[in-house]
C-alpha atoms as a PDB file:
ATOM      1  CA  MET A   1      18.433   3.277  12.960  1.00  0.00           C
ATOM      2  CA  THR A   2      14.666   2.954  12.939  1.00  0.00           C
ATOM      3  CA  ASN A   3      12.426   2.067  15.871  1.00  0.00           C
ATOM      4  CA  ARG A   4      11.303  -1.442  14.951  1.00  0.00           C
ATOM      5  CA  GLY A   5       8.928  -1.592  17.934  1.00  0.00           C
ATOM      6  CA  LYS A   6       6.456   0.644  16.108  1.00  0.00           C
ATOM      7  CA  TYR A   7       5.733  -2.072  13.525  1.00  0.00           C
ATOM      8  CA  LYS A   8       2.781  -3.659  15.314  1.00  0.00           C
ATOM      9  CA  HIS A   9       0.203  -4.230  12.539  1.00  0.00           C
ATOM     10  CA  TYR A  10       0.423  -7.514  10.621  1.00  0.00           C
ATOM     11  CA  ILE A  11      -0.471  -6.665   7.008  1.00  0.00           C
ATOM     12  CA  GLU A  12      -0.751  -8.788   3.879  1.00  0.00           C
ATOM     13  CA  ILE A  13       0.536  -7.646   0.494  1.00  0.00           C
ATOM     14  CA  PHE A  14      -1.164  -8.887  -2.672  1.00  0.00           C
ATOM     15  CA  GLU A  15      -0.230  -8.708  -6.341  1.00  0.00           C
ATOM     16  CA  ILE A  16      -2.973  -8.220  -8.922  1.00  0.00           C
ATOM     17  CA  THR A  17      -2.528 -10.557 -11.873  1.00  0.00           C
ATOM     18  CA  LYS A  18      -4.618 -11.821 -14.776  1.00  0.00           C
ATOM     19  CA  SER A  19      -6.326 -15.173 -14.247  1.00  0.00           C
ATOM     20  CA  GLN A  20      -5.651 -18.108 -16.554  1.00  0.00           C
ATOM     21  CA  THR A  21      -9.302 -18.564 -17.562  1.00  0.00           C
ATOM     22  CA  LYS A  22     -11.568 -16.280 -19.540  1.00  0.00           C
ATOM     23  CA  ASN A  23     -14.910 -15.030 -18.235  1.00  0.00           C
ATOM     24  CA  ARG A  24     -18.134 -15.063 -20.265  1.00  0.00           C
ATOM     25  CA  LEU A  25     -17.094 -11.847 -22.039  1.00  0.00           C
ATOM     26  CA  GLY A  26     -13.869 -13.435 -23.236  1.00  0.00           C
ATOM     27  CA  GLU A  27     -11.698 -11.343 -20.911  1.00  0.00           C
ATOM     28  CA  TYR A  28      -9.230 -12.475 -18.292  1.00  0.00           C
ATOM     29  CA  ASP A  29     -10.356 -11.519 -14.780  1.00  0.00           C
ATOM     30  CA  GLU A  30      -7.953  -9.921 -12.328  1.00  0.00           C
ATOM     31  CA  VAL A  31      -7.114 -12.004  -9.265  1.00  0.00           C
ATOM     32  CA  GLU A  32      -5.304 -11.138  -6.046  1.00  0.00           C
ATOM     33  CA  VAL A  33      -2.318 -13.357  -5.246  1.00  0.00           C
ATOM     34  CA  SER A  34      -0.745 -13.134  -1.787  1.00  0.00           C
ATOM     35  CA  LYS A  35       2.918 -12.130  -2.021  1.00  0.00           C
ATOM     36  CA  GLY A  36       3.832 -11.758   1.638  1.00  0.00           C
ATOM     37  CA  HIS A  37       3.130 -10.583   5.169  1.00  0.00           C
ATOM     38  CA  VAL A  38       5.017  -7.917   7.115  1.00  0.00           C
ATOM     39  CA  PHE A  39       4.691  -6.097  10.393  1.00  0.00           C
ATOM     40  CA  ALA A  40       4.033  -2.414   9.686  1.00  0.00           C
ATOM     41  CA  ASN A  41       3.037   0.895  11.205  1.00  0.00           C
ATOM     42  CA  ILE A  42      -0.226   2.438   9.968  1.00  0.00           C
ATOM     43  CA  GLU A  43      -0.853   6.183  10.297  1.00  0.00           C
ATOM     44  CA  THR A  44      -4.000   8.001   9.218  1.00  0.00           C
ATOM     45  CA  ARG A  45      -3.716  10.876   6.741  1.00  0.00           C
ATOM     46  CA  VAL A  46      -7.338  12.076   6.671  1.00  0.00           C
ATOM     47  CA  GLY A  47      -9.013  15.179   8.025  1.00  0.00           C
ATOM     48  CA  GLY A  48      -7.079  18.412   8.423  1.00  0.00           C
ATOM     49  CA  LEU A  49      -3.935  17.042   6.816  1.00  0.00           C
ATOM     50  CA  LEU A  50      -5.440  17.429   3.350  1.00  0.00           C
ATOM     51  CA  THR A  51      -6.812  20.963   3.616  1.00  0.00           C
ATOM     52  CA  GLY A  52      -5.074  23.779   1.798  1.00  0.00           C
ATOM     53  CA  ARG A  53      -3.528  21.604  -0.905  1.00  0.00           C
ATOM     54  CA  PRO A  54      -4.174  22.047  -4.629  1.00  0.00           C
ATOM     55  CA  ALA A  55      -6.974  19.773  -5.822  1.00  0.00           C
ATOM     56  CA  ASP A  56      -4.869  17.964  -8.415  1.00  0.00           C
ATOM     57  CA  THR A  57      -2.205  16.623  -6.049  1.00  0.00           C
ATOM     58  CA  VAL A  58      -1.883  12.924  -5.297  1.00  0.00           C
ATOM     59  CA  MET A  59      -2.076  13.649  -1.560  1.00  0.00           C
ATOM     60  CA  THR A  60      -5.768  14.539  -1.817  1.00  0.00           C
ATOM     61  CA  SER A  61      -6.685  10.877  -2.140  1.00  0.00           C
ATOM     62  CA  VAL A  62      -4.208   9.465   0.397  1.00  0.00           C
ATOM     63  CA  THR A  63      -5.972   8.145   3.506  1.00  0.00           C
ATOM     64  CA  HIS A  64      -3.113   6.318   5.277  1.00  0.00           C
ATOM     65  CA  LYS A  65       0.662   5.973   5.368  1.00  0.00           C
ATOM     66  CA  ILE A  66       1.951   2.454   5.965  1.00  0.00           C
ATOM     67  CA  THR A  67       5.625   1.953   6.810  1.00  0.00           C
ATOM     68  CA  TRP A  68       7.749  -1.157   7.304  1.00  0.00           C
ATOM     69  CA  ASP A  69      11.352  -2.284   7.316  1.00  0.00           C
ATOM     70  CA  TYR A  70      12.661  -1.799   3.778  1.00  0.00           C
ATOM     71  CA  ASN A  71      14.350  -5.204   3.569  1.00  0.00           C
ATOM     72  CA  ASN A  72      11.135  -7.101   4.361  1.00  0.00           C
ATOM     73  CA  PHE A  73       9.386  -6.029   1.128  1.00  0.00           C
ATOM     74  CA  PRO A  74      11.404  -3.427  -0.846  1.00  0.00           C
ATOM     75  CA  VAL A  75       9.345  -3.100  -4.038  1.00  0.00           C
ATOM     76  CA  ILE A  76       5.649  -2.228  -4.145  1.00  0.00           C
ATOM     77  CA  LEU A  77       3.951  -0.739  -7.202  1.00  0.00           C
ATOM     78  CA  PRO A  78       0.734   1.298  -7.529  1.00  0.00           C
ATOM     79  CA  ASP A  79      -0.841  -0.600 -10.419  1.00  0.00           C
ATOM     80  CA  LYS A  80       0.349  -4.017  -9.282  1.00  0.00           C
ATOM     81  CA  ASN A  81      -0.088  -4.285  -5.490  1.00  0.00           C
ATOM     82  CA  ILE A  82      -2.750  -3.852  -2.818  1.00  0.00           C
ATOM     83  CA  ILE A  83      -2.496  -4.123   0.963  1.00  0.00           C
ATOM     84  CA  LYS A  84      -4.996  -5.755   3.317  1.00  0.00           C
ATOM     85  CA  TYR A  85      -5.301  -5.334   7.075  1.00  0.00           C
ATOM     86  CA  GLN A  86      -8.143  -6.622   9.293  1.00  0.00           C
ATOM     87  CA  GLY A  87     -10.773  -6.581   6.550  1.00  0.00           C
ATOM     88  CA  HIS A  88      -9.630  -3.225   5.114  1.00  0.00           C
ATOM     89  CA  THR A  89      -8.219  -3.031   1.599  1.00  0.00           C
ATOM     90  CA  PHE A  90      -5.778  -0.312   0.572  1.00  0.00           C
ATOM     91  CA  LYS A  91      -4.861   0.761  -2.958  1.00  0.00           C
ATOM     92  CA  VAL A  92      -1.206   1.812  -3.296  1.00  0.00           C
ATOM     93  CA  ASN A  93      -0.746   5.394  -4.533  1.00  0.00           C
ATOM     94  CA  TYR A  94       3.044   5.592  -4.319  1.00  0.00           C
ATOM     95  CA  SER A  95       5.971   4.452  -2.181  1.00  0.00           C
ATOM     96  CA  LEU A  96       8.986   6.332  -0.864  1.00  0.00           C
ATOM     97  CA  ASP A  97      12.426   5.212   0.316  1.00  0.00           C
ATOM     98  CA  ASP A  98      13.276   8.442   2.129  1.00  0.00           C
ATOM     99  CA  GLY A  99      16.825   9.518   1.296  1.00  0.00           C
ATOM    100  CA  PHE A 100      17.534   6.198  -0.470  1.00  0.00           C
ATOM    101  CA  LYS A 101      18.718   4.839   2.879  1.00  0.00           C
ATOM    102  CA  HIS A 102      16.998   1.442   2.447  1.00  0.00           C
ATOM    103  CA  GLU A 103      15.895   1.528   6.099  1.00  0.00           C
ATOM    104  CA  GLU A 104      12.149   2.077   5.942  1.00  0.00           C
ATOM    105  CA  LEU A 105       9.662   1.964   3.075  1.00  0.00           C
ATOM    106  CA  GLN A 106       6.822   4.492   3.289  1.00  0.00           C
ATOM    107  CA  VAL A 107       3.741   3.527   1.289  1.00  0.00           C
ATOM    108  CA  PHE A 108       0.948   6.068   0.783  1.00  0.00           C
ATOM    109  CA  VAL A 109      -2.412   4.398   0.198  1.00  0.00           C
ATOM    110  CA  THR A 110      -6.137   5.021  -0.267  1.00  0.00           C
ATOM    111  CA  GLU A 111      -8.619   2.815   1.530  1.00  0.00           C
ATOM    112  CA  LYS A 112     -10.999   1.067  -0.873  1.00  0.00           C
ATOM    113  CA  ILE A 113     -14.600   1.123   0.296  1.00  0.00           C
END
Protein backbone atom coordinates (compact mmCIF):
# COMPACT_ATOMS: atom_id res chain seq x y z
CA MET A 1 0.00 0.00 0.00
CA THR A 2 1.48 3.32 -1.02
CA ASN A 3 1.13 6.64 0.78
CA ARG A 4 -1.16 8.56 -1.57
CA GLY A 5 -0.83 11.74 0.51
CA LYS A 6 2.64 12.35 -0.92
CA TYR A 7 1.21 13.02 -4.40
CA LYS A 8 0.83 16.78 -4.04
CA HIS A 9 2.15 18.17 -7.36
CA TYR A 10 -0.35 18.49 -10.22
CA ILE A 11 1.58 17.60 -13.39
CA GLU A 12 0.57 17.47 -17.04
CA ILE A 13 1.69 14.70 -19.39
CA PHE A 14 2.10 15.44 -23.10
CA GLU A 15 2.62 13.23 -26.13
CA ILE A 16 4.88 14.44 -28.93
CA THR A 17 3.31 13.83 -32.33
CA LYS A 18 3.83 15.01 -35.90
CA SER A 19 1.64 17.90 -37.02
CA GLN A 20 -0.69 17.56 -39.99
CA THR A 21 0.84 20.47 -41.93
CA LYS A 22 4.28 20.83 -43.43
CA ASN A 23 6.63 23.70 -42.60
CA ARG A 24 8.54 25.71 -45.20
CA LEU A 25 11.20 22.98 -45.41
CA GLY A 26 8.60 20.38 -46.30
CA GLU A 27 8.87 18.61 -42.94
CA TYR A 28 6.18 17.89 -40.40
CA ASP A 29 6.76 19.79 -37.15
CA GLU A 30 6.48 18.06 -33.79
CA VAL A 31 3.64 19.24 -31.57
CA GLU A 32 2.84 18.56 -27.93
CA VAL A 33 -0.63 17.13 -27.29
CA SER A 34 -1.93 16.98 -23.71
CA LYS A 35 -2.72 13.40 -22.70
CA GLY A 36 -3.63 13.84 -19.05
CA HIS A 37 -3.06 15.30 -15.60
CA VAL A 38 -2.08 13.42 -12.45
CA PHE A 39 -1.08 14.24 -8.91
CA ALA A 40 2.54 13.18 -8.39
CA ASN A 41 5.51 13.36 -6.07
CA ILE A 42 8.63 15.12 -7.40
CA GLU A 43 12.06 14.39 -5.92
CA THR A 44 15.32 16.00 -6.98
CA ARG A 45 18.19 13.78 -8.13
CA VAL A 46 20.93 16.40 -8.62
CA GLY A 47 24.07 17.18 -6.68
CA GLY A 48 25.86 14.48 -4.71
CA LEU A 49 23.57 11.72 -5.91
CA LEU A 50 25.35 11.58 -9.26
CA THR A 51 28.97 11.54 -8.08
CA GLY A 52 30.97 8.35 -8.30
CA ARG A 53 28.97 6.83 -11.16
CA PRO A 54 30.46 5.85 -14.52
CA ALA A 55 30.07 8.64 -17.07
CA ASP A 56 28.11 6.55 -19.56
CA THR A 57 25.20 5.65 -17.27
CA VAL A 58 21.71 7.02 -17.84
CA MET A 59 21.61 8.30 -14.25
CA THR A 60 24.15 11.02 -15.04
CA SER A 61 21.51 13.04 -16.85
CA VAL A 62 18.59 12.38 -14.48
CA THR A 63 17.61 15.52 -12.56
CA HIS A 64 14.32 14.41 -10.94
CA LYS A 65 12.25 11.36 -10.09
CA ILE A 66 8.50 11.78 -10.50
CA THR A 67 6.17 9.14 -9.05
CA TRP A 68 2.41 8.66 -9.22
CA ASP A 69 -0.24 6.01 -8.76
CA TYR A 70 0.33 3.41 -11.47
CA ASN A 71 -3.33 3.15 -12.48
CA ASN A 72 -3.63 6.89 -13.20
CA PHE A 73 -1.19 6.79 -16.15
CA PRO A 74 0.53 3.38 -16.53
CA VAL A 75 2.46 3.84 -19.78
CA ILE A 76 4.96 6.63 -20.44
CA LEU A 77 7.69 6.40 -23.07
CA PRO A 78 11.01 8.27 -23.40
CA ASP A 79 10.74 9.25 -27.06
CA LYS A 80 7.01 9.92 -26.97
CA ASN A 81 6.16 11.79 -23.74
CA ILE A 82 7.19 14.88 -21.80
CA ILE A 83 6.02 16.16 -18.42
CA LYS A 84 5.27 19.76 -17.47
CA TYR A 85 4.96 21.25 -13.99
CA GLN A 86 4.70 24.97 -13.12
CA GLY A 87 6.55 26.19 -16.20
CA HIS A 88 9.21 23.44 -16.03
CA THR A 89 9.48 20.87 -18.81
CA PHE A 90 10.90 17.40 -18.19
CA LYS A 91 12.16 14.92 -20.78
CA VAL A 92 11.43 11.29 -19.85
CA ASN A 93 14.56 9.12 -19.57
CA TYR A 94 12.92 5.89 -18.42
CA SER A 95 10.11 4.61 -16.20
CA LEU A 96 10.03 1.83 -13.63
CA ASP A 97 7.21 -0.26 -12.15
CA ASP A 98 9.19 -1.51 -9.16
CA GLY A 99 8.64 -5.24 -8.69
CA PHE A 100 5.85 -5.27 -11.30
CA LYS A 101 3.40 -4.54 -8.48
CA HIS A 102 1.38 -1.98 -10.49
CA GLU A 103 1.18 0.28 -7.42
CA GLU A 104 3.43 3.21 -8.25
CA LEU A 105 5.11 4.32 -11.47
CA GLN A 106 8.56 5.88 -11.04
CA VAL A 107 9.60 8.13 -13.92
CA PHE A 108 13.19 9.39 -14.13
CA VAL A 109 13.45 12.65 -16.05
CA THR A 110 15.83 15.43 -17.12
CA GLU A 111 14.70 19.02 -16.87
CA LYS A 112 14.83 20.81 -20.23
CA ILE A 113 16.30 24.29 -20.00
